[in-house]
Amino acid sequence: MTNLASAGPRQLSPTEAIAATDESQDRPRAVTAMTTDYWLTLAGSLIGSLGLVWLFYTQILPFSGVVGFVISWYVVYIAMFATVTAMVHSAPIVRDRLWTAIITGAAGLVGFALVSTIVYIVIKGWPALHHVNFFIQSESAGSPTSPLNQGGVLNAIIGSVFELGIATIISVPLGIGTAVFTVEVGGRFARVVRTVVEAMTALPDILAGLFIYSFLILSLGYQRTGLAAATALSVMMLPIIARASDVALRVVPGGLREASLALGGTQWRTILRVVIPTAAPGLAQAVILGMARAVGETAPVLICSAPSIFTNANPFNNPMNSLPLYIYTAVRSGLPLFIERGFAAAVVLLAYVLILFGAARLLARSKVARR
C-alpha cells in the first residue's frame, strides 16, 4: 500500500502548467503598490542628488541662492531617479515612476506654497490676532497707531457678511435659473447665453465694479453704499454659479427625466421635483464656490463703497467696509501696527475662504457617495 504521507507533490500536466503560467502572466500589476526597491531607489536618489548638487552648487561652481539650489536638486534628482530605475526595470516602469516623481514634486510644490502662505500670514498677524478686542471692537474704537489692545475689525466683518449675503441673494436665483435655461430648455439662444457666461467667468473684478459704479451711482444717482458693493459682487458671482450649476444639472441621468415625463409630469414639474433635488449637492457646491470667489474681492467694494471705520449694519445707507478693503487699506498705510492688523484680518478672511472651500469639497464628496 502506497504511503500517501511520503508522496511528493503532484506533477502538473502540460495543459495545467500552461494554464497556470498564463494565469500568472495575465494577472494585472498593482500600480499603486510601492515595493522596497522603489523606496530604496527614491531614498538613494534624493540623498545622492542632494550631495551632488551641494558639492557642485556651493563648493565648485560660483552659484548661490536657495531657489536655484532647490531647482537644481530637483532636476538632478529626477535624472538620477530615472537612471537608477532604468538599470533594473523595463522602459514602461521607468516612464511610470518618472512621471510619478514629476507629478508628486509638482503637487508638493503647490502644497508648500499654500502652507508657507498660510504660515506667513498667521505669523505676521498673530500680534493682533490673539487680542479678543480685535474681534469684538470696531475700527473706530482706536486708531491706526493705537496699541493692539484697542480697536478691532468688527465693522469689516459685519460689512463682509452683509455684502456677501446680499450678493448671494441676488446671484443664486439668477445663476441657477440661467443654468436651468441652458440645460433644460435649450435652443439657439441657450448657446449664446452659455457663451456669454463662460466669457464672464474671466471678467476682471474691477470691470464689474466700474459697471455698477457707472450705472447705479453715476447714471441713477445712488450713493456709494454696501448695497452697491454687493451688487458688484453679485456680477462676479453670477457666472461662477451659472457655470458650475450647468455642470451639476448636466450630470443628472436622463432616465430620471424620461421616467417623470412618462408618468405624466410636465417639463417644469420634472425640473422642480426631479432634476433640481437630484442635483442639489452640486448646486450647493456651485453657490459656495461663487461665495468663495466674491468674499475676497477688493476692487468692487473700493469703487462702489468706501472705507469706513464705523460699524454700519444698514447696507442701504452710508459706506460699508469689508475685510478685503480693510486689508488693502491697512497694508498700504505704511504704519507697522496697522499692517499687523491687516495681516490679522487676512487670517480671518483666509479662514472664511478655507471653510467655504472645505464645505464645497464635503458636498462634492457626499454627491459622489450617493451615486
Protein backbone atom coordinates (compact mmCIF):
# COMPACT_ATOMS: atom_id res chain seq x y z
CA MET A 1 0.00 0.00 0.00
CA THR A 2 1.46 3.35 -1.01
CA ASN A 3 2.29 5.74 1.80
CA LEU A 4 0.37 8.92 0.89
CA ALA A 5 2.14 10.97 3.54
CA SER A 6 5.52 10.38 1.96
CA ALA A 7 4.32 11.05 -1.55
CA GLY A 8 5.83 14.12 -3.21
CA PRO A 9 3.88 16.98 -4.82
CA ARG A 10 1.71 16.03 -7.72
CA GLN A 11 3.23 16.73 -11.12
CA LEU A 12 1.17 19.11 -13.26
CA SER A 13 0.20 18.03 -16.72
CA PRO A 14 1.45 20.13 -19.64
CA THR A 15 -2.02 21.65 -20.09
CA GLU A 16 -2.28 22.61 -16.41
CA ALA A 17 1.24 24.07 -16.42
CA ILE A 18 0.45 26.27 -19.43
CA ALA A 19 -2.80 27.43 -17.83
CA ALA A 20 -1.03 28.29 -14.57
CA THR A 21 1.67 30.22 -16.45
CA ASP A 22 -0.88 32.17 -18.47
CA GLU A 23 -2.82 33.00 -15.30
CA SER A 24 0.27 34.39 -13.58
CA GLN A 25 1.19 36.45 -16.63
CA ASP A 26 -2.31 37.85 -17.12
CA ARG A 27 -2.66 38.95 -13.50
CA PRO A 28 -2.68 42.80 -13.51
CA ARG A 29 0.13 44.58 -11.72
CA ALA A 30 -0.84 46.63 -8.68
CA VAL A 31 0.23 50.05 -9.92
CA THR A 32 -0.37 51.74 -6.56
CA ALA A 33 1.78 49.31 -4.57
CA MET A 34 5.21 50.67 -3.64
CA THR A 35 7.88 47.98 -3.36
CA THR A 36 11.02 48.02 -1.26
CA ASP A 37 13.01 48.54 -4.44
CA TYR A 38 11.05 51.71 -5.16
CA TRP A 39 11.61 53.21 -1.72
CA LEU A 40 15.32 52.39 -1.77
CA THR A 41 15.68 53.92 -5.22
CA LEU A 42 13.76 57.00 -4.11
CA ALA A 43 15.81 57.50 -0.94
CA GLY A 44 19.10 56.88 -2.70
CA SER A 45 18.25 59.32 -5.49
CA LEU A 46 17.18 62.04 -3.05
CA ILE A 47 20.29 61.71 -0.88
CA GLY A 48 22.68 61.25 -3.80
CA SER A 49 21.30 64.20 -5.76
CA LEU A 50 21.40 66.38 -2.63
CA GLY A 51 25.06 65.60 -2.04
CA LEU A 52 25.97 66.03 -5.71
CA VAL A 53 24.21 69.38 -6.04
CA TRP A 54 25.66 70.62 -2.76
CA LEU A 55 29.17 69.75 -3.94
CA PHE A 56 28.91 71.42 -7.34
CA TYR A 57 26.49 74.26 -6.50
CA THR A 58 28.10 75.53 -3.31
CA GLN A 59 31.69 74.32 -3.44
CA ILE A 60 32.85 74.15 -7.07
CA LEU A 61 30.63 76.43 -9.16
CA PRO A 62 30.16 80.14 -8.29
CA PHE A 63 26.44 79.81 -7.57
CA SER A 64 24.33 80.82 -4.56
CA GLY A 65 20.70 81.15 -3.57
CA VAL A 66 18.15 78.80 -2.08
CA VAL A 67 15.76 78.84 -5.04
CA GLY A 68 18.43 77.89 -7.54
CA PHE A 69 19.73 75.18 -5.22
CA VAL A 70 16.27 73.60 -4.85
CA ILE A 71 15.60 73.72 -8.60
CA SER A 72 18.99 72.15 -9.37
CA TRP A 73 18.42 69.50 -6.71
CA TYR A 74 15.04 68.58 -8.19
CA VAL A 75 16.39 68.33 -11.76
CA VAL A 76 19.33 66.18 -10.72
CA TYR A 77 17.05 64.02 -8.57
CA ILE A 78 14.72 63.34 -11.50
CA ALA A 79 17.64 62.42 -13.75
CA MET A 80 19.26 60.18 -11.12
CA PHE A 81 15.96 58.51 -10.22
CA ALA A 82 15.25 57.70 -13.87
CA THR A 83 18.81 56.39 -14.41
CA VAL A 84 18.80 54.10 -11.36
CA THR A 85 15.33 52.78 -12.21
CA ALA A 86 16.36 52.06 -15.80
CA MET A 87 19.24 49.88 -14.59
CA VAL A 88 16.91 47.17 -13.26
CA HIS A 89 13.50 47.79 -14.85
CA SER A 90 11.98 47.98 -18.30
CA ALA A 91 11.03 51.17 -20.14
CA PRO A 92 7.30 51.20 -19.16
CA ILE A 93 8.16 51.01 -15.45
CA VAL A 94 10.79 53.73 -15.87
CA ARG A 95 8.25 56.04 -17.53
CA ASP A 96 5.65 55.25 -14.89
CA ARG A 97 7.98 56.01 -11.98
CA LEU A 98 9.41 59.08 -13.71
CA TRP A 99 6.01 60.68 -14.23
CA THR A 100 5.01 59.71 -10.70
CA ALA A 101 8.05 61.56 -9.36
CA ILE A 102 7.36 64.61 -11.54
CA ILE A 103 3.68 64.85 -10.61
CA THR A 104 4.43 64.25 -6.93
CA GLY A 105 7.02 67.01 -7.00
CA ALA A 106 4.57 69.42 -8.63
CA ALA A 107 1.90 68.61 -6.05
CA GLY A 108 4.45 69.05 -3.26
CA LEU A 109 5.41 72.46 -4.66
CA VAL A 110 1.77 73.60 -4.68
CA GLY A 111 1.24 72.29 -1.17
CA PHE A 112 4.40 74.00 0.07
CA ALA A 113 3.29 77.30 -1.48
CA LEU A 114 -0.12 77.05 0.20
CA VAL A 115 1.24 76.07 3.61
CA SER A 116 4.00 78.68 3.55
CA THR A 117 1.48 81.40 2.61
CA ILE A 118 -0.83 80.47 5.46
CA VAL A 119 2.01 80.22 7.98
CA TYR A 120 3.47 83.57 6.90
CA ILE A 121 0.13 85.38 7.19
CA VAL A 122 -0.59 83.83 10.60
CA ILE A 123 2.85 84.75 11.94
CA LYS A 124 2.59 88.35 10.70
CA GLY A 125 -0.93 88.77 12.07
CA TRP A 126 -0.54 86.92 15.37
CA PRO A 127 0.43 90.03 17.44
CA ALA A 128 -3.04 91.46 16.76
CA LEU A 129 -4.88 88.19 16.32
CA HIS A 130 -4.56 86.93 19.88
CA HIS A 131 -6.29 90.02 21.31
CA VAL A 132 -10.00 89.50 21.95
CA ASN A 133 -10.83 93.12 21.19
CA PHE A 134 -9.73 92.54 17.59
CA PHE A 135 -12.94 90.56 17.02
CA ILE A 136 -15.42 92.42 19.24
CA GLN A 137 -14.47 96.07 18.64
CA SER A 138 -14.79 98.22 15.56
CA GLU A 139 -12.04 100.24 13.94
CA SER A 140 -13.49 103.41 15.45
CA ALA A 141 -12.57 102.19 18.97
CA GLY A 142 -8.94 103.00 18.22
CA SER A 143 -6.72 104.48 15.56
CA PRO A 144 -4.17 103.03 13.13
CA THR A 145 -1.40 103.97 15.56
CA SER A 146 -3.18 102.78 18.73
CA PRO A 147 -1.89 99.78 20.67
CA LEU A 148 -3.12 96.40 19.50
CA ASN A 149 -5.38 96.05 22.54
CA GLN A 150 -7.51 98.94 21.24
CA GLY A 151 -9.82 98.75 18.23
CA GLY A 152 -10.69 95.83 16.05
CA VAL A 153 -12.12 94.64 12.78
CA LEU A 154 -15.74 94.01 13.75
CA ASN A 155 -17.04 96.65 11.31
CA ALA A 156 -15.26 94.94 8.40
CA ILE A 157 -16.55 91.51 9.41
CA ILE A 158 -20.14 92.77 9.59
CA GLY A 159 -19.73 94.55 6.26
CA SER A 160 -18.41 91.41 4.55
CA VAL A 161 -21.30 89.36 5.94
CA PHE A 162 -23.93 91.82 4.72
CA GLU A 163 -22.35 92.39 1.31
CA LEU A 164 -21.80 88.68 0.66
CA GLY A 165 -25.29 87.82 1.88
CA ILE A 166 -26.97 90.35 -0.41
CA ALA A 167 -24.78 89.29 -3.34
CA THR A 168 -25.73 85.66 -2.74
CA ILE A 169 -29.44 86.51 -2.61
CA ILE A 170 -29.12 88.28 -5.97
CA SER A 171 -26.85 85.75 -7.69
CA VAL A 172 -28.30 82.38 -6.65
CA PRO A 173 -31.70 82.59 -8.39
CA LEU A 174 -30.20 84.24 -11.47
CA GLY A 175 -27.31 81.78 -11.72
CA ILE A 176 -29.35 78.62 -11.17
CA GLY A 177 -32.12 79.95 -13.42
CA THR A 178 -29.58 80.57 -16.17
CA ALA A 179 -28.26 77.01 -15.80
CA VAL A 180 -31.79 75.57 -15.93
CA PHE A 181 -32.49 77.52 -19.11
CA THR A 182 -29.30 76.43 -20.87
CA VAL A 183 -29.60 72.75 -19.86
CA GLU A 184 -33.33 72.01 -19.67
CA VAL A 185 -34.83 74.47 -22.16
CA GLY A 186 -32.05 74.73 -24.72
CA GLY A 187 -32.38 76.20 -28.17
CA ARG A 188 -30.21 78.51 -30.22
CA PHE A 189 -30.36 81.32 -27.69
CA ALA A 190 -29.14 78.95 -24.99
CA ARG A 191 -25.82 78.60 -26.83
CA VAL A 192 -25.41 82.36 -26.82
CA VAL A 193 -26.18 82.52 -23.10
CA ARG A 194 -23.70 79.74 -22.34
CA THR A 195 -21.00 81.53 -24.36
CA VAL A 196 -21.63 84.80 -22.52
CA VAL A 197 -21.50 83.03 -19.14
CA GLU A 198 -18.22 81.33 -20.00
CA ALA A 199 -16.78 84.67 -21.10
CA MET A 200 -17.93 86.36 -17.90
CA THR A 201 -16.05 83.84 -15.73
CA ALA A 202 -12.83 85.59 -16.80
CA LEU A 203 -14.24 89.07 -16.18
CA PRO A 204 -11.82 91.22 -14.12
CA ASP A 205 -13.32 92.31 -10.83
CA ILE A 206 -12.53 95.95 -11.47
CA LEU A 207 -14.73 95.93 -14.57
CA ALA A 208 -17.66 94.65 -12.52
CA GLY A 209 -17.12 97.47 -10.05
CA LEU A 210 -16.87 100.08 -12.80
CA PHE A 211 -20.05 98.77 -14.43
CA ILE A 212 -22.09 99.09 -11.24
CA TYR A 213 -20.46 102.44 -10.44
CA SER A 214 -21.29 103.93 -13.85
CA PHE A 215 -24.82 102.51 -13.98
CA LEU A 216 -26.05 102.59 -10.40
CA ILE A 217 -24.11 105.53 -8.95
CA LEU A 218 -23.39 107.87 -11.85
CA SER A 219 -26.49 107.25 -14.01
CA LEU A 220 -29.13 106.63 -11.34
CA GLY A 221 -27.59 108.84 -8.67
CA TYR A 222 -27.46 106.16 -5.98
CA GLN A 223 -24.91 106.74 -3.24
CA ARG A 224 -21.90 104.54 -2.52
CA THR A 225 -23.24 102.01 -0.06
CA GLY A 226 -22.92 98.37 0.90
CA LEU A 227 -25.78 97.54 -1.46
CA ALA A 228 -23.86 98.95 -4.43
CA ALA A 229 -20.80 96.91 -3.45
CA ALA A 230 -22.94 93.79 -3.02
CA THR A 231 -24.44 94.32 -6.48
CA ALA A 232 -20.93 94.48 -7.95
CA LEU A 233 -20.02 91.29 -6.09
CA SER A 234 -23.10 89.58 -7.49
CA VAL A 235 -21.83 90.33 -11.00
CA MET A 236 -18.68 88.37 -10.08
CA MET A 237 -20.63 85.52 -8.51
CA LEU A 238 -23.22 85.10 -11.24
CA PRO A 239 -21.06 83.42 -13.95
CA ILE A 240 -19.38 81.12 -11.40
CA ILE A 241 -22.71 79.89 -10.05
CA ALA A 242 -24.25 79.59 -13.51
CA ARG A 243 -21.32 77.63 -14.95
CA ALA A 244 -21.00 75.25 -12.01
CA SER A 245 -24.78 74.75 -11.87
CA ASP A 246 -24.78 73.98 -15.59
CA VAL A 247 -22.33 71.14 -14.97
CA ALA A 248 -24.33 69.88 -11.97
CA LEU A 249 -27.56 69.73 -14.00
CA ARG A 250 -25.90 68.01 -16.94
CA VAL A 251 -24.80 65.03 -14.85
CA VAL A 252 -28.39 64.25 -13.78
CA PRO A 253 -29.30 60.97 -15.56
CA GLY A 254 -31.65 61.44 -18.47
CA GLY A 255 -33.62 58.38 -17.38
CA LEU A 256 -34.98 60.32 -14.41
CA ARG A 257 -36.39 62.98 -16.71
CA GLU A 258 -37.87 60.36 -19.03
CA ALA A 259 -39.48 58.49 -16.14
CA SER A 260 -41.08 61.68 -14.81
CA LEU A 261 -42.40 62.64 -18.23
CA ALA A 262 -43.69 59.10 -18.78
CA LEU A 263 -45.70 59.35 -15.55
CA GLY A 264 -47.45 62.46 -16.84
CA GLY A 265 -45.31 65.17 -15.26
CA THR A 266 -44.82 68.42 -17.15
CA GLN A 267 -41.37 69.71 -18.01
CA TRP A 268 -41.32 72.31 -15.25
CA ARG A 269 -42.68 69.88 -12.66
CA THR A 270 -39.94 67.47 -13.70
CA ILE A 271 -37.34 70.20 -13.25
CA LEU A 272 -38.66 71.29 -9.86
CA ARG A 273 -39.43 67.85 -8.40
CA VAL A 274 -36.81 65.61 -10.02
CA VAL A 275 -33.88 67.43 -11.64
CA ILE A 276 -33.16 70.14 -9.05
CA PRO A 277 -33.47 67.84 -5.97
CA THR A 278 -31.18 65.31 -7.65
CA ALA A 279 -28.60 67.99 -8.46
CA ALA A 280 -28.97 69.74 -5.08
CA PRO A 281 -25.46 68.85 -3.76
CA GLY A 282 -23.87 70.11 -6.98
CA LEU A 283 -25.95 73.29 -6.91
CA ALA A 284 -24.96 73.93 -3.29
CA GLN A 285 -21.35 73.43 -4.27
CA ALA A 286 -21.77 75.96 -7.07
CA VAL A 287 -23.19 78.53 -4.65
CA ILE A 288 -20.32 78.02 -2.20
CA LEU A 289 -17.73 78.38 -4.95
CA GLY A 290 -19.35 81.63 -6.03
CA MET A 291 -19.32 82.92 -2.46
CA ALA A 292 -15.66 81.98 -2.05
CA ARG A 293 -14.87 83.89 -5.24
CA ALA A 294 -16.69 87.05 -4.14
CA VAL A 295 -15.65 87.23 -0.49
CA GLY A 296 -12.07 88.14 -1.34
CA GLU A 297 -12.76 90.81 -3.97
CA THR A 298 -11.44 94.28 -3.18
CA ALA A 299 -11.87 96.44 -6.28
CA PRO A 300 -15.71 96.32 -6.47
CA VAL A 301 -16.01 97.31 -2.80
CA LEU A 302 -13.41 100.05 -3.17
CA ILE A 303 -15.17 101.55 -6.20
CA CYS A 304 -18.82 101.12 -5.18
CA SER A 305 -18.41 101.69 -1.44
CA ALA A 306 -15.65 103.27 0.62
CA PRO A 307 -13.53 102.52 3.69
CA SER A 308 -15.40 103.21 6.89
CA ILE A 309 -14.18 102.95 10.49
CA PHE A 310 -17.69 102.74 11.94
CA THR A 311 -19.95 99.72 12.23
CA ASN A 312 -22.74 100.07 9.68
CA ALA A 313 -25.49 97.47 9.74
CA ASN A 314 -27.58 99.28 7.12
CA PRO A 315 -26.40 98.38 3.60
CA PHE A 316 -28.79 100.91 2.06
CA ASN A 317 -27.19 103.98 3.61
CA ASN A 318 -23.60 105.20 4.05
CA PRO A 319 -20.41 103.37 3.06
CA MET A 320 -19.72 99.90 4.44
CA ASN A 321 -16.29 98.42 4.97
CA SER A 322 -15.29 94.81 4.27
CA LEU A 323 -12.40 92.52 5.14
CA PRO A 324 -10.62 92.78 1.74
CA LEU A 325 -10.97 96.56 1.75
CA TYR A 326 -9.71 96.74 5.35
CA ILE A 327 -6.67 94.62 4.43
CA TYR A 328 -5.95 96.78 1.40
CA THR A 329 -6.16 99.98 3.43
CA ALA A 330 -4.04 98.62 6.28
CA VAL A 331 -1.21 97.12 4.23
CA ARG A 332 -0.74 100.19 2.05
CA SER A 333 -0.80 102.57 5.03
CA GLY A 334 2.86 102.04 5.96
CA LEU A 335 2.03 102.03 9.69
CA PRO A 336 3.50 98.96 11.45
CA LEU A 337 0.62 98.42 13.90
CA PHE A 338 -1.98 98.95 11.20
CA ILE A 339 -0.15 96.50 8.93
CA GLU A 340 -0.23 93.87 11.68
CA ARG A 341 -3.98 94.41 11.99
CA GLY A 342 -4.24 93.97 8.22
CA PHE A 343 -2.46 90.61 8.37
CA ALA A 344 -4.73 89.55 11.23
CA ALA A 345 -7.77 90.46 9.13
CA ALA A 346 -6.23 88.42 6.30
CA VAL A 347 -6.17 85.41 8.63
CA VAL A 348 -9.88 85.87 9.32
CA LEU A 349 -10.62 86.17 5.61
CA LEU A 350 -8.43 83.17 4.80
CA ALA A 351 -10.22 81.07 7.41
CA TYR A 352 -13.56 82.10 5.91
CA VAL A 353 -12.47 81.11 2.40
CA LEU A 354 -10.99 77.78 3.58
CA ILE A 355 -14.23 76.97 5.39
CA LEU A 356 -16.24 77.67 2.23
CA PHE A 357 -13.97 75.54 0.04
CA GLY A 358 -14.00 72.77 2.65
CA ALA A 359 -17.79 72.80 2.64
CA ALA A 360 -17.76 72.59 -1.16
CA ARG A 361 -15.46 69.57 -1.01
CA LEU A 362 -17.69 67.85 1.53
CA LEU A 363 -20.75 68.46 -0.62
CA ALA A 364 -18.97 67.10 -3.69
CA ARG A 365 -17.86 64.01 -1.75
CA SER A 366 -21.39 63.37 -0.48
CA LYS A 367 -22.65 63.76 -4.04
CA VAL A 368 -20.25 61.06 -5.26
CA ALA A 369 -21.14 58.79 -2.33
CA ARG A 370 -24.85 59.00 -3.15
CA ARG A 371 -24.17 57.74 -6.64
